[in-house]
N, C-alpha and C. Protein backbone atom coordinates (compact mmCIF):
# COMPACT_ATOMS: atom_id res chain seq x y z
N UNK A 1 -9.16 -8.94 -0.11
CA UNK A 1 -7.83 -8.35 -0.20
C UNK A 1 -7.53 -7.57 1.08
N UNK A 2 -7.43 -8.27 2.21
CA UNK A 2 -7.16 -7.63 3.48
C UNK A 2 -5.69 -7.59 3.84
N UNK A 3 -4.82 -7.91 2.92
CA UNK A 3 -3.39 -7.95 3.19
C UNK A 3 -2.75 -6.58 3.01
N UNK A 4 -1.59 -6.39 3.64
CA UNK A 4 -0.85 -5.14 3.46
C UNK A 4 -0.15 -5.16 2.10
N UNK A 5 0.29 -3.99 1.67
CA UNK A 5 0.98 -3.90 0.38
C UNK A 5 2.24 -4.76 0.37
N UNK A 6 2.94 -4.82 1.50
CA UNK A 6 4.15 -5.66 1.57
C UNK A 6 3.81 -7.11 1.24
N UNK A 7 2.76 -7.62 1.86
CA UNK A 7 2.36 -9.01 1.65
C UNK A 7 1.83 -9.22 0.24
N UNK A 8 1.10 -8.25 -0.28
CA UNK A 8 0.57 -8.38 -1.64
C UNK A 8 1.70 -8.50 -2.66
N UNK A 9 2.75 -7.70 -2.50
CA UNK A 9 3.88 -7.75 -3.42
C UNK A 9 4.60 -9.09 -3.27
N UNK A 10 4.77 -9.55 -2.04
CA UNK A 10 5.41 -10.86 -1.82
C UNK A 10 4.61 -11.99 -2.47
N UNK A 11 3.30 -11.84 -2.50
CA UNK A 11 2.43 -12.86 -3.09
C UNK A 11 2.22 -12.68 -4.60
N UNK A 12 3.01 -11.84 -5.25
CA UNK A 12 2.93 -11.57 -6.68
C UNK A 12 1.62 -10.92 -7.11
N UNK A 13 0.92 -10.29 -6.18
CA UNK A 13 -0.34 -9.61 -6.51
C UNK A 13 -0.09 -8.50 -7.53
N UNK A 14 1.00 -7.76 -7.37
CA UNK A 14 1.30 -6.65 -8.27
C UNK A 14 1.40 -7.13 -9.72
N UNK A 15 2.08 -8.25 -9.94
CA UNK A 15 2.23 -8.78 -11.29
C UNK A 15 0.89 -9.20 -11.90
N UNK A 16 0.03 -9.76 -11.08
CA UNK A 16 -1.23 -10.30 -11.58
C UNK A 16 -2.39 -9.31 -11.57
N UNK A 17 -2.33 -8.28 -10.72
CA UNK A 17 -3.44 -7.33 -10.57
C UNK A 17 -2.92 -5.89 -10.53
N UNK A 18 -2.18 -5.51 -11.53
CA UNK A 18 -1.55 -4.18 -11.55
C UNK A 18 -2.55 -3.05 -11.38
N UNK A 19 -3.68 -3.12 -12.06
CA UNK A 19 -4.67 -2.04 -11.99
C UNK A 19 -5.22 -1.87 -10.57
N UNK A 20 -5.56 -2.98 -9.92
CA UNK A 20 -6.07 -2.93 -8.55
C UNK A 20 -5.04 -2.38 -7.58
N UNK A 21 -3.79 -2.81 -7.76
CA UNK A 21 -2.70 -2.33 -6.90
C UNK A 21 -2.49 -0.84 -7.11
N UNK A 22 -2.51 -0.40 -8.37
CA UNK A 22 -2.27 1.02 -8.64
C UNK A 22 -3.34 1.91 -8.02
N UNK A 23 -4.57 1.40 -7.88
CA UNK A 23 -5.63 2.16 -7.21
C UNK A 23 -5.32 2.37 -5.73
N UNK A 24 -4.64 1.41 -5.12
CA UNK A 24 -4.29 1.52 -3.70
C UNK A 24 -3.20 2.54 -3.44
N UNK A 25 -2.37 2.81 -4.43
CA UNK A 25 -1.25 3.72 -4.22
C UNK A 25 -1.43 5.08 -4.90
N UNK A 26 -2.57 5.24 -5.59
CA UNK A 26 -2.84 6.51 -6.26
C UNK A 26 -3.23 7.55 -5.21
N UNK A 27 -2.64 8.72 -5.27
CA UNK A 27 -2.92 9.82 -4.34
C UNK A 27 -2.80 9.37 -2.89
N UNK A 28 -1.61 8.92 -2.47
CA UNK A 28 -1.46 8.38 -1.12
C UNK A 28 -1.61 9.44 -0.02
N UNK A 29 -2.20 9.01 1.08
CA UNK A 29 -2.34 9.85 2.27
C UNK A 29 -1.50 9.32 3.43
N UNK A 30 -0.96 8.11 3.26
CA UNK A 30 -0.21 7.44 4.32
C UNK A 30 1.07 6.85 3.75
N UNK A 31 2.10 6.78 4.61
CA UNK A 31 3.35 6.13 4.24
C UNK A 31 3.69 5.12 5.34
N UNK A 32 4.25 4.00 4.97
CA UNK A 32 4.61 2.97 5.92
C UNK A 32 5.98 3.30 6.51
N UNK A 33 6.05 3.36 7.83
CA UNK A 33 7.32 3.65 8.51
C UNK A 33 8.26 2.45 8.47
N UNK A 34 7.75 1.29 8.09
CA UNK A 34 8.59 0.08 8.03
C UNK A 34 9.25 -0.09 6.67
N UNK A 35 8.46 0.00 5.59
CA UNK A 35 9.00 -0.31 4.27
C UNK A 35 9.04 0.88 3.32
N UNK A 36 8.35 1.97 3.65
CA UNK A 36 8.38 3.16 2.81
C UNK A 36 7.32 3.17 1.72
N UNK A 37 6.50 2.14 1.63
CA UNK A 37 5.42 2.15 0.64
C UNK A 37 4.38 3.20 1.04
N UNK A 38 3.63 3.69 0.06
CA UNK A 38 2.61 4.70 0.32
C UNK A 38 1.26 4.19 -0.20
N UNK A 39 0.18 4.62 0.46
CA UNK A 39 -1.16 4.17 0.07
C UNK A 39 -2.20 5.21 0.47
N UNK A 40 -3.35 5.13 -0.18
CA UNK A 40 -4.46 5.98 0.21
C UNK A 40 -5.32 5.31 1.28
N UNK A 41 -4.96 4.07 1.68
CA UNK A 41 -5.69 3.31 2.70
C UNK A 41 -4.70 2.87 3.77
N UNK A 42 -4.81 3.42 4.96
CA UNK A 42 -3.86 3.10 6.03
C UNK A 42 -3.89 1.63 6.42
N UNK A 43 -4.99 0.94 6.17
CA UNK A 43 -5.10 -0.47 6.52
C UNK A 43 -4.24 -1.35 5.62
N UNK A 44 -3.73 -0.81 4.54
CA UNK A 44 -2.89 -1.56 3.61
C UNK A 44 -1.41 -1.43 3.92
N UNK A 45 -1.07 -0.76 5.03
CA UNK A 45 0.32 -0.55 5.41
C UNK A 45 0.60 -1.17 6.76
N UNK A 46 1.83 -1.68 6.96
CA UNK A 46 2.21 -2.33 8.21
C UNK A 46 2.26 -1.33 9.37
N UNK A 47 2.92 -0.20 9.14
CA UNK A 47 3.07 0.82 10.19
C UNK A 47 2.74 2.18 9.56
N UNK A 48 1.45 2.47 9.33
CA UNK A 48 1.07 3.69 8.62
C UNK A 48 1.30 4.96 9.43
N UNK A 49 1.66 5.99 8.73
CA UNK A 49 1.78 7.33 9.31
C UNK A 49 1.17 8.29 8.31
N UNK A 50 0.28 9.16 8.79
CA UNK A 50 -0.40 10.14 7.93
C UNK A 50 0.62 11.09 7.34
N UNK A 51 0.51 11.34 6.06
CA UNK A 51 1.35 12.32 5.37
C UNK A 51 0.72 13.69 5.62
N UNK A 52 1.49 14.59 6.18
CA UNK A 52 0.96 15.93 6.46
C UNK A 52 0.91 16.75 5.19
N UNK A 53 -0.14 17.51 5.05
CA UNK A 53 -0.30 18.37 3.87
C UNK A 53 0.17 19.76 4.17
């Protein structure tokens, strides 16, 4: 599963693997400057930017 969240959603990953997807977005530390998705793994975003605490 080396794809970004954008690609995973396009490939219907969310519909088929909801639990796995939800683990990627739980307690996010990064937000994608391209699409606005958030993740706890910067490698899962197209253009990640650290969320400041």
